[in-house]
Amino acid sequence: MIVFVPKKIFFTKGVGRHKDYLQSFELALRSAGVERCNLVNVSSILPPGCRRLSSAEAEKVLEPGALTFVVMARTASNEPNRLIAASIGVAQPADETAYGYLSEHHSYGETDERAGEYAEDLAATMLATTLGVPFDPAVDWDERERQYKMSGKILRTFNVTQSAQGDKEGRWTAVVAMAVLFP
């Protein structure tokens, strides 16, 4: 059995437009800077102690054709003016030896802010339930975020979100947001 636990992570996003669906997705990957990699979707665990890379650092690590593990959100539409969004939410525990969560959110009709808050809330809620942090699911995100951070068990939450309006001429518009995991 091969065990691969990522030690580094990079967050990116992009948008692409083209008459063909697949080409719009490829252009979104280009915009995100990962088009040359063979992307492998994985689920939503942020490994313990995973260090965040800058865009410049990630550029040095990405290799053409490499199997590259990602948590990816993607949305596409060819409906003129349709608002689409893709978002990755991140929740990091205060304990560096514990794992965190990444969430994917794909939506229509939501702004960057709304889609991002939703994805961030998803990741934070998954981490809070894992850590036994008490919270009231009926209160809004701002109040839950306060509860989570006051617990001292959740260090940070954030999101990486890309939204776009559908092409006015009806060409495909694709958006991606992703966490890219490295050894």
Protein backbone atom coordinates (compact mmCIF):
# COMPACT_ATOMS: atom_id res chain seq x y z
CA MET A 1 0.00 0.00 0.00
CA ILE A 2 1.31 3.42 -0.97
CA VAL A 3 0.64 6.20 1.51
CA PHE A 4 0.73 9.75 0.22
CA VAL A 5 0.13 12.50 2.77
CA PRO A 6 0.43 15.96 1.22
CA LYS A 7 2.72 18.40 3.02
CA LYS A 8 1.97 21.47 0.88
CA ILE A 9 -1.16 23.07 -0.54
CA PHE A 10 -1.86 25.77 -3.09
CA PHE A 11 -5.19 27.52 -3.69
CA THR A 12 -6.15 28.81 -7.11
CA LYS A 13 -9.12 29.77 -9.26
CA GLY A 14 -9.94 30.61 -12.85
CA VAL A 15 -12.54 31.34 -15.51
CA GLY A 16 -12.73 30.35 -19.17
CA ARG A 17 -15.09 31.07 -22.09
CA HIS A 18 -15.42 29.17 -25.34
CA LYS A 19 -18.04 27.86 -27.77
CA ASP A 20 -17.28 24.31 -26.58
CA TYR A 21 -17.94 23.15 -23.02
CA LEU A 22 -14.68 21.19 -22.65
CA GLN A 23 -12.58 24.01 -24.05
CA SER A 24 -14.14 26.50 -21.62
CA PHE A 25 -13.14 24.19 -18.76
CA GLU A 26 -9.59 23.87 -20.13
CA LEU A 27 -9.36 27.66 -20.38
CA ALA A 28 -10.52 27.96 -16.76
CA LEU A 29 -7.72 25.53 -15.81
CA ARG A 30 -5.25 27.70 -17.76
CA SER A 31 -6.50 30.76 -15.92
CA ALA A 32 -5.90 28.86 -12.66
CA GLY A 33 -2.41 27.81 -13.83
CA VAL A 34 -2.92 24.03 -13.64
CA GLU A 35 -3.83 23.09 -17.24
CA ARG A 36 -0.63 21.09 -17.76
CA CYS A 37 -1.37 18.63 -14.94
CA ASN A 38 -3.43 15.44 -14.82
CA LEU A 39 -5.87 16.36 -12.10
CA VAL A 40 -7.07 13.69 -9.68
CA ASN A 41 -10.07 14.68 -7.56
CA VAL A 42 -9.86 13.75 -3.90
CA SER A 43 -12.19 14.32 -0.98
CA SER A 44 -12.07 17.05 1.59
CA ILE A 45 -9.40 16.45 4.23
CA LEU A 46 -6.75 19.12 4.88
CA PRO A 47 -3.74 17.09 6.08
CA PRO A 48 -2.17 17.97 9.44
CA GLY A 49 0.62 20.56 9.19
CA CYS A 50 0.05 21.19 5.48
CA ARG A 51 1.94 24.37 4.49
CA ARG A 52 0.32 26.86 2.12
CA LEU A 53 2.35 27.73 -0.98
CA SER A 54 2.28 31.01 -2.86
CA SER A 55 1.54 31.06 -6.59
CA ALA A 56 5.26 31.48 -7.33
CA GLU A 57 6.20 28.51 -5.11
CA ALA A 58 3.49 26.31 -6.64
CA GLU A 59 4.64 27.20 -10.17
CA LYS A 60 8.04 25.63 -9.37
CA VAL A 61 6.43 22.38 -8.14
CA LEU A 62 3.85 21.80 -10.90
CA GLU A 63 5.15 19.41 -13.55
CA PRO A 64 3.57 18.84 -16.98
CA GLY A 65 1.70 15.54 -17.07
CA ALA A 66 2.09 14.86 -13.34
CA LEU A 67 -0.76 13.26 -11.44
CA THR A 68 -1.86 16.18 -9.30
CA PHE A 69 -4.31 15.77 -6.45
CA VAL A 70 -6.96 18.46 -6.10
CA VAL A 71 -10.13 19.29 -4.25
CA MET A 72 -12.01 21.08 -7.03
CA ALA A 73 -15.25 22.98 -7.38
CA ARG A 74 -16.40 23.71 -10.92
CA THR A 75 -19.47 25.13 -12.57
CA ALA A 76 -20.31 25.93 -16.18
CA SER A 77 -23.17 27.47 -18.12
CA ASN A 78 -23.95 28.54 -21.66
CA GLU A 79 -26.92 30.62 -20.52
CA PRO A 80 -26.30 34.31 -21.31
CA ASN A 81 -25.70 36.43 -18.19
CA ARG A 82 -26.21 33.46 -15.80
CA LEU A 83 -24.19 34.04 -12.61
CA ILE A 84 -22.11 30.97 -11.72
CA ALA A 85 -19.64 30.32 -8.90
CA ALA A 86 -17.19 27.69 -7.69
CA SER A 87 -15.77 27.89 -4.19
CA ILE A 88 -13.42 26.03 -1.88
CA GLY A 89 -13.94 26.54 1.85
CA VAL A 90 -11.10 25.91 4.28
CA ALA A 91 -11.17 25.24 8.04
CA GLN A 92 -7.87 24.78 9.86
CA PRO A 93 -7.72 23.41 13.40
CA ALA A 94 -5.66 25.20 16.06
CA ASP A 95 -3.88 21.91 16.79
CA GLU A 96 -1.31 21.50 13.98
CA THR A 97 -1.30 17.72 14.49
CA ALA A 98 -5.02 17.50 13.68
CA TYR A 99 -6.57 17.47 10.23
CA GLY A 100 -8.84 20.17 8.85
CA TYR A 101 -11.48 20.30 6.16
CA LEU A 102 -11.84 21.55 2.61
CA SER A 103 -15.30 21.90 1.08
CA GLU A 104 -16.44 22.35 -2.51
CA HIS A 105 -19.43 24.45 -3.45
CA HIS A 106 -20.78 24.79 -7.00
CA SER A 107 -23.59 27.27 -7.50
CA TYR A 108 -25.80 29.31 -9.78
CA GLY A 109 -27.07 32.78 -8.98
CA GLU A 110 -24.69 33.43 -6.07
CA THR A 111 -22.10 36.20 -5.77
CA ASP A 112 -18.47 35.51 -4.80
CA GLU A 113 -19.23 36.59 -1.26
CA ARG A 114 -22.30 34.42 -0.80
CA ALA A 115 -20.79 31.31 -2.42
CA GLY A 116 -17.55 31.80 -0.48
CA GLU A 117 -19.29 32.17 2.86
CA TYR A 118 -21.34 29.06 2.16
CA ALA A 119 -18.23 26.99 1.32
CA GLU A 120 -16.38 28.36 4.34
CA ASP A 121 -19.35 27.54 6.57
CA LEU A 122 -19.46 23.96 5.21
CA ALA A 123 -15.78 23.37 5.98
CA ALA A 124 -16.00 24.99 9.42
CA THR A 125 -19.12 23.01 10.35
CA MET A 126 -17.49 19.71 9.33
CA LEU A 127 -14.43 20.57 11.45
CA ALA A 128 -16.52 21.79 14.39
CA THR A 129 -18.54 18.57 14.50
CA THR A 130 -15.32 16.51 14.33
CA LEU A 131 -13.77 18.49 17.19
CA GLY A 132 -16.92 18.52 19.31
CA VAL A 133 -17.29 22.30 19.20
CA PRO A 134 -20.79 23.23 20.33
CA PHE A 135 -22.72 25.50 17.96
CA ASP A 136 -26.26 26.39 17.04
CA PRO A 137 -26.95 25.41 13.40
CA ALA A 138 -29.95 27.78 13.35
CA VAL A 139 -27.85 30.96 13.70
CA ASP A 140 -26.28 32.71 10.71
CA TRP A 141 -22.72 32.11 9.51
CA ASP A 142 -21.24 35.20 11.20
CA GLU A 143 -22.47 34.04 14.62
CA ARG A 144 -21.36 30.43 14.06
CA GLU A 145 -17.95 31.65 12.89
CA ARG A 146 -17.64 33.61 16.13
CA GLN A 147 -18.64 30.52 18.15
CA TYR A 148 -16.13 28.35 16.30
CA LYS A 149 -13.23 30.72 16.78
CA MET A 150 -14.07 31.43 20.43
CA SER A 151 -13.82 27.70 21.11
CA GLY A 152 -10.04 27.93 20.58
CA LYS A 153 -10.16 24.71 18.54
CA ILE A 154 -10.51 26.30 15.09
CA LEU A 155 -7.61 28.52 14.09
CA ARG A 156 -8.73 29.91 10.74
CA THR A 157 -11.38 29.70 8.06
CA PHE A 158 -11.29 31.21 4.60
CA ASN A 159 -12.47 30.58 1.06
CA VAL A 160 -11.21 30.77 -2.51
CA THR A 161 -14.04 31.61 -4.89
CA GLN A 162 -14.43 32.33 -8.59
CA SER A 163 -17.65 33.63 -10.07
CA ALA A 164 -18.54 34.87 -13.54
CA GLN A 165 -21.53 35.89 -15.59
CA GLY A 166 -22.40 33.69 -18.53
CA ASP A 167 -21.15 34.91 -21.88
CA LYS A 168 -23.62 37.34 -23.48
CA GLU A 169 -23.37 35.46 -26.80
CA GLY A 170 -24.16 32.10 -25.21
CA ARG A 171 -20.66 30.63 -25.33
CA TRP A 172 -19.82 28.28 -22.47
CA THR A 173 -18.46 29.97 -19.37
CA ALA A 174 -16.65 27.76 -16.84
CA VAL A 175 -15.32 28.62 -13.38
CA VAL A 176 -13.04 26.57 -11.13
CA ALA A 177 -11.72 26.92 -7.61
CA MET A 178 -9.33 24.39 -6.17
CA ALA A 179 -6.93 23.29 -3.51
CA VAL A 180 -3.89 21.63 -5.10
CA LEU A 181 -2.06 19.13 -2.86
CA PHE A 182 1.68 18.40 -3.10
CA PRO A 183 4.05 15.90 -1.41
